[in-house]
Amino acid sequence: MSLQWLSFPTVAVLLLLHCVLCQGIGAPRSLANIVTVQQGGQLNGTNSSSPNGSGITPVTLADDGTYYIVLEAGLITFRATIDTGSADSWLISTACTTPTCMQVPRYPLQYDSPTFVSVNNNASVFNLSYADTTAASGFIAREAIQISNVTAPNQAIGE
């Protein structure tokens, strides 16, 4: 099955830059960089909530050297690590019970999100491996992802 990961039309510098969500993040530094996020016209057939299609979201540098943003997935707020070297977006879910997973916000699988859509009854799997020997695996689903005032409905994500 070929799954198209959502790409934002005219994204300036950031917007998802395809996030790897909720890795172990240290305490944020007090200084946050501001990055403008722009989206041209419509996103997946839906207008963004601002009249000109733009939004601003802070990008924060954590003590471990990673950059993160705050986003919403199905009305739940997460800190998302920005991974510019990946085209995949995934969330840590409550199915992950390792000590590392227990330290970060997890997407509650029992949560009845009005925007969650199962893909093949959660039978479509993903397996990712990274150069630092970490990995992620789970199933593919669709959820509304919002950064600033721009929402990507039906964003394909791994959980």
C-alpha atoms as a PDB file:
ATOM      1  CA  MET A   1       0.000   0.000   0.000  1.00  0.00           C
ATOM      2  CA  SER A   2       1.386   3.381  -0.964  1.00  0.00           C
ATOM      3  CA  LEU A   3       0.519   6.046   1.572  1.00  0.00           C
ATOM      4  CA  GLN A   4       0.986   9.708   0.755  1.00  0.00           C
ATOM      5  CA  TRP A   5       2.280  11.728   3.670  1.00  0.00           C
ATOM      6  CA  LEU A   6       0.808  15.208   3.686  1.00  0.00           C
ATOM      7  CA  SER A   7       3.027  17.997   2.428  1.00  0.00           C
ATOM      8  CA  PHE A   8       2.056  21.571   3.160  1.00  0.00           C
ATOM      9  CA  PRO A   9       1.885  23.653  -0.032  1.00  0.00           C
ATOM     10  CA  THR A  10       4.168  26.629   0.647  1.00  0.00           C
ATOM     11  CA  VAL A  11       5.706  26.102   4.000  1.00  0.00           C
ATOM     12  CA  ALA A  12       8.269  28.666   5.131  1.00  0.00           C
ATOM     13  CA  VAL A  13      11.169  27.241   7.115  1.00  0.00           C
ATOM     14  CA  LEU A  14       9.051  25.053   9.410  1.00  0.00           C
ATOM     15  CA  LEU A  15       5.630  23.447   9.611  1.00  0.00           C
ATOM     16  CA  LEU A  16       5.888  19.889  10.540  1.00  0.00           C
ATOM     17  CA  LEU A  17       9.262  19.608   8.836  1.00  0.00           C
ATOM     18  CA  HIS A  18       7.977  16.223   9.513  1.00  0.00           C
ATOM     19  CA  CYS A  19       8.141  15.865  13.226  1.00  0.00           C
ATOM     20  CA  VAL A  20       9.331  12.968  15.243  1.00  0.00           C
ATOM     21  CA  LEU A  21       7.144  13.489  18.245  1.00  0.00           C
ATOM     22  CA  CYS A  22       7.896  13.469  21.915  1.00  0.00           C
ATOM     23  CA  GLN A  23      11.426  12.146  22.064  1.00  0.00           C
ATOM     24  CA  GLY A  24      13.021  12.501  25.471  1.00  0.00           C
ATOM     25  CA  ILE A  25      13.329  16.276  25.671  1.00  0.00           C
ATOM     26  CA  GLY A  26      15.195  18.102  28.402  1.00  0.00           C
ATOM     27  CA  ALA A  27      13.951  21.273  30.039  1.00  0.00           C
ATOM     28  CA  PRO A  28      13.589  24.010  27.449  1.00  0.00           C
ATOM     29  CA  ARG A  29      15.867  27.013  27.452  1.00  0.00           C
ATOM     30  CA  SER A  30      14.207  30.320  28.139  1.00  0.00           C
ATOM     31  CA  LEU A  31      14.906  31.759  24.699  1.00  0.00           C
ATOM     32  CA  ALA A  32      12.575  30.679  21.904  1.00  0.00           C
ATOM     33  CA  ASN A  33      13.097  31.445  18.247  1.00  0.00           C
ATOM     34  CA  ILE A  34      10.038  32.547  16.288  1.00  0.00           C
ATOM     35  CA  VAL A  35       9.477  31.029  12.878  1.00  0.00           C
ATOM     36  CA  THR A  36       6.746  32.092  10.478  1.00  0.00           C
ATOM     37  CA  VAL A  37       4.624  29.314   9.075  1.00  0.00           C
ATOM     38  CA  GLN A  38       2.844  29.992   5.824  1.00  0.00           C
ATOM     39  CA  GLN A  39       0.448  27.969   3.848  1.00  0.00           C
ATOM     40  CA  GLY A  40      -0.851  29.008   0.449  1.00  0.00           C
ATOM     41  CA  GLY A  41      -4.619  29.014   0.106  1.00  0.00           C
ATOM     42  CA  GLN A  42      -6.038  25.662   1.044  1.00  0.00           C
ATOM     43  CA  LEU A  43      -4.682  22.661   2.871  1.00  0.00           C
ATOM     44  CA  ASN A  44      -6.290  19.358   1.975  1.00  0.00           C
ATOM     45  CA  GLY A  45      -9.330  21.285   0.783  1.00  0.00           C
ATOM     46  CA  THR A  46      -9.689  23.182   4.057  1.00  0.00           C
ATOM     47  CA  ASN A  47      -8.896  26.826   4.725  1.00  0.00           C
ATOM     48  CA  SER A  48      -6.693  27.629   7.684  1.00  0.00           C
ATOM     49  CA  SER A  49      -8.359  29.627  10.444  1.00  0.00           C
ATOM     50  CA  SER A  50      -6.528  32.860   9.675  1.00  0.00           C
ATOM     51  CA  PRO A  51      -7.686  35.037   6.790  1.00  0.00           C
ATOM     52  CA  ASN A  52      -4.272  35.214   5.133  1.00  0.00           C
ATOM     53  CA  GLY A  53      -3.318  31.563   5.707  1.00  0.00           C
ATOM     54  CA  SER A  54      -0.325  32.212   7.952  1.00  0.00           C
ATOM     55  CA  GLY A  55       0.561  31.576  11.549  1.00  0.00           C
ATOM     56  CA  ILE A  56       3.480  31.963  13.903  1.00  0.00           C
ATOM     57  CA  THR A  57       4.717  29.210  16.169  1.00  0.00           C
ATOM     58  CA  PRO A  58       7.674  29.350  18.559  1.00  0.00           C
ATOM     59  CA  VAL A  59      10.564  26.960  18.016  1.00  0.00           C
ATOM     60  CA  THR A  60      12.294  26.144  21.300  1.00  0.00           C
ATOM     61  CA  LEU A  61      15.802  24.774  21.790  1.00  0.00           C
ATOM     62  CA  ALA A  62      15.920  22.084  24.484  1.00  0.00           C
ATOM     63  CA  ASP A  63      18.968  21.409  26.678  1.00  0.00           C
ATOM     64  CA  ASP A  64      19.771  18.269  24.685  1.00  0.00           C
ATOM     65  CA  GLY A  65      20.176  20.321  21.492  1.00  0.00           C
ATOM     66  CA  THR A  66      16.899  19.351  19.840  1.00  0.00           C
ATOM     67  CA  TYR A  67      14.384  21.864  18.590  1.00  0.00           C
ATOM     68  CA  TYR A  68      10.718  21.387  19.284  1.00  0.00           C
ATOM     69  CA  ILE A  69       7.362  23.010  18.687  1.00  0.00           C
ATOM     70  CA  VAL A  70       3.998  22.628  20.370  1.00  0.00           C
ATOM     71  CA  LEU A  71       1.233  21.094  18.276  1.00  0.00           C
ATOM     72  CA  GLU A  72      -2.167  19.515  18.763  1.00  0.00           C
ATOM     73  CA  ALA A  73      -3.118  16.033  17.632  1.00  0.00           C
ATOM     74  CA  GLY A  74      -6.804  15.345  18.026  1.00  0.00           C
ATOM     75  CA  LEU A  75      -7.148  18.209  20.550  1.00  0.00           C
ATOM     76  CA  ILE A  76      -4.281  16.854  22.705  1.00  0.00           C
ATOM     77  CA  THR A  77      -1.191  19.075  23.058  1.00  0.00           C
ATOM     78  CA  PHE A  78       2.285  17.627  22.413  1.00  0.00           C
ATOM     79  CA  ARG A  79       5.833  18.927  22.224  1.00  0.00           C
ATOM     80  CA  ALA A  80       7.086  17.762  18.839  1.00  0.00           C
ATOM     81  CA  THR A  81      10.765  17.316  18.085  1.00  0.00           C
ATOM     82  CA  ILE A  82      11.572  18.678  14.644  1.00  0.00           C
ATOM     83  CA  ASP A  83      13.255  16.103  12.431  1.00  0.00           C
ATOM     84  CA  THR A  84      14.265  17.706   9.139  1.00  0.00           C
ATOM     85  CA  GLY A  85      15.816  14.465   7.912  1.00  0.00           C
ATOM     86  CA  SER A  86      12.614  12.440   7.915  1.00  0.00           C
ATOM     87  CA  ALA A  87       9.403  12.522   5.927  1.00  0.00           C
ATOM     88  CA  ASP A  88       7.506  10.637   8.629  1.00  0.00           C
ATOM     89  CA  SER A  89       5.325  11.923  11.443  1.00  0.00           C
ATOM     90  CA  TRP A  90       4.593   9.720  14.414  1.00  0.00           C
ATOM     91  CA  LEU A  91       3.267   9.915  17.951  1.00  0.00           C
ATOM     92  CA  ILE A  92       4.196   7.871  20.951  1.00  0.00           C
ATOM     93  CA  SER A  93       1.003   6.192  22.118  1.00  0.00           C
ATOM     94  CA  THR A  94      -0.077   4.603  25.363  1.00  0.00           C
ATOM     95  CA  ALA A  95       0.763   1.231  23.789  1.00  0.00           C
ATOM     96  CA  CYS A  96       4.433   2.061  24.439  1.00  0.00           C
ATOM     97  CA  THR A  97       5.252   1.214  28.047  1.00  0.00           C
ATOM     98  CA  THR A  98       9.050   1.406  28.072  1.00  0.00           C
ATOM     99  CA  PRO A  99      10.651   3.656  30.709  1.00  0.00           C
ATOM    100  CA  THR A 100      11.538   6.201  27.997  1.00  0.00           C
ATOM    101  CA  CYS A 101       7.961   6.315  26.703  1.00  0.00           C
ATOM    102  CA  MET A 102       6.580   6.700  30.209  1.00  0.00           C
ATOM    103  CA  GLN A 103       8.523   9.974  30.618  1.00  0.00           C
ATOM    104  CA  VAL A 104       6.829  11.847  27.755  1.00  0.00           C
ATOM    105  CA  PRO A 105       3.258  12.710  26.757  1.00  0.00           C
ATOM    106  CA  ARG A 106       1.670   9.811  24.889  1.00  0.00           C
ATOM    107  CA  TYR A 107      -1.348   9.731  22.593  1.00  0.00           C
ATOM    108  CA  PRO A 108      -4.030   7.874  24.573  1.00  0.00           C
ATOM    109  CA  LEU A 109      -5.358   5.077  22.355  1.00  0.00           C
ATOM    110  CA  GLN A 110      -8.485   4.867  24.490  1.00  0.00           C
ATOM    111  CA  TYR A 111      -9.245   8.550  23.731  1.00  0.00           C
ATOM    112  CA  ASP A 112     -12.257   8.891  21.464  1.00  0.00           C
ATOM    113  CA  SER A 113     -10.934  11.663  19.228  1.00  0.00           C
ATOM    114  CA  PRO A 114     -13.558  13.049  16.863  1.00  0.00           C
ATOM    115  CA  THR A 115     -10.878  13.397  14.170  1.00  0.00           C
ATOM    116  CA  PHE A 116      -9.078  10.024  14.509  1.00  0.00           C
ATOM    117  CA  VAL A 117      -9.458   7.711  11.519  1.00  0.00           C
ATOM    118  CA  SER A 118      -8.243   4.121  11.543  1.00  0.00           C
ATOM    119  CA  VAL A 119      -6.380   2.907   8.445  1.00  0.00           C
ATOM    120  CA  ASN A 120      -7.235  -0.705   7.584  1.00  0.00           C
ATOM    121  CA  ASN A 121      -8.494  -1.289  11.133  1.00  0.00           C
ATOM    122  CA  ASN A 122      -5.003  -0.424  12.442  1.00  0.00           C
ATOM    123  CA  ALA A 123      -3.509  -3.261  10.388  1.00  0.00           C
ATOM    124  CA  SER A 124      -1.198  -1.032   8.298  1.00  0.00           C
ATOM    125  CA  VAL A 125       2.121  -1.061  10.118  1.00  0.00           C
ATOM    126  CA  PHE A 126       5.198   1.153   9.994  1.00  0.00           C
ATOM    127  CA  ASN A 127       8.761   0.383  11.073  1.00  0.00           C
ATOM    128  CA  LEU A 128      11.398   3.116  11.186  1.00  0.00           C
ATOM    129  CA  SER A 129      15.091   2.870  12.050  1.00  0.00           C
ATOM    130  CA  TYR A 130      17.376   5.833  12.646  1.00  0.00           C
ATOM    131  CA  ALA A 131      21.150   6.249  12.340  1.00  0.00           C
ATOM    132  CA  ASP A 132      21.476   6.658  16.132  1.00  0.00           C
ATOM    133  CA  THR A 133      20.113   3.071  16.481  1.00  0.00           C
ATOM    134  CA  THR A 134      16.719   4.181  17.821  1.00  0.00           C
ATOM    135  CA  ALA A 135      13.573   2.920  16.142  1.00  0.00           C
ATOM    136  CA  ALA A 136       9.825   3.342  16.066  1.00  0.00           C
ATOM    137  CA  SER A 137       7.089   0.973  14.993  1.00  0.00           C
ATOM    138  CA  GLY A 138       3.339   0.718  15.238  1.00  0.00           C
ATOM    139  CA  PHE A 139       0.303   1.240  13.051  1.00  0.00           C
ATOM    140  CA  ILE A 140      -0.704   3.977  10.631  1.00  0.00           C
ATOM    141  CA  ALA A 141      -3.732   6.142  11.355  1.00  0.00           C
ATOM    142  CA  ARG A 142      -5.031   9.573  10.403  1.00  0.00           C
ATOM    143  CA  GLU A 143      -5.543  12.453  12.817  1.00  0.00           C
ATOM    144  CA  ALA A 144      -6.024  16.226  12.671  1.00  0.00           C
ATOM    145  CA  ILE A 145      -2.686  17.910  13.395  1.00  0.00           C
ATOM    146  CA  GLN A 146      -2.625  21.610  14.232  1.00  0.00           C
ATOM    147  CA  ILE A 147       0.409  23.875  14.416  1.00  0.00           C
ATOM    148  CA  SER A 148      -0.357  27.464  15.336  1.00  0.00           C
ATOM    149  CA  ASN A 149      -3.550  28.266  13.461  1.00  0.00           C
ATOM    150  CA  VAL A 150      -2.974  25.854  10.567  1.00  0.00           C
ATOM    151  CA  THR A 151      -4.703  22.475  10.709  1.00  0.00           C
ATOM    152  CA  ALA A 152      -3.872  19.440   8.579  1.00  0.00           C
ATOM    153  CA  PRO A 153      -7.007  17.283   8.649  1.00  0.00           C
ATOM    154  CA  ASN A 154      -6.490  13.560   8.051  1.00  0.00           C
ATOM    155  CA  GLN A 155      -2.702  13.741   8.506  1.00  0.00           C
ATOM    156  CA  ALA A 156      -1.217  10.267   8.124  1.00  0.00           C
ATOM    157  CA  ILE A 157       0.748   9.465  11.284  1.00  0.00           C
ATOM    158  CA  GLY A 158       2.341   6.454  12.860  1.00  0.00           C
ATOM    159  CA  GLU A 159       1.220   5.520  16.353  1.00  0.00           C
END
